[in-house]
Amino acid sequence: MSYNKYEVIIGLMFFTGIFAFISGQFILSTVLFATSAIYSNIIMSRRLRSQKK
């Protein structure tokens, strides 16, 4: 996948988490926010490593 597709996936997880939080599904929103944060950090570290080489 290209990095743009990863960013779209992260954005979708983030906005789904916001929607779940607003609708009262706090456990689901917490899981989605954590997943998007961890996934975003993994993608950013890969991008930084590839630029250093």
Foldseek 3Di string as FASTA:
>chain_A
DDVVVLVVVLVVLQVVLVVCVVVPVPVSSVVSVVVSVVSVVVSVVVVVVVVVD
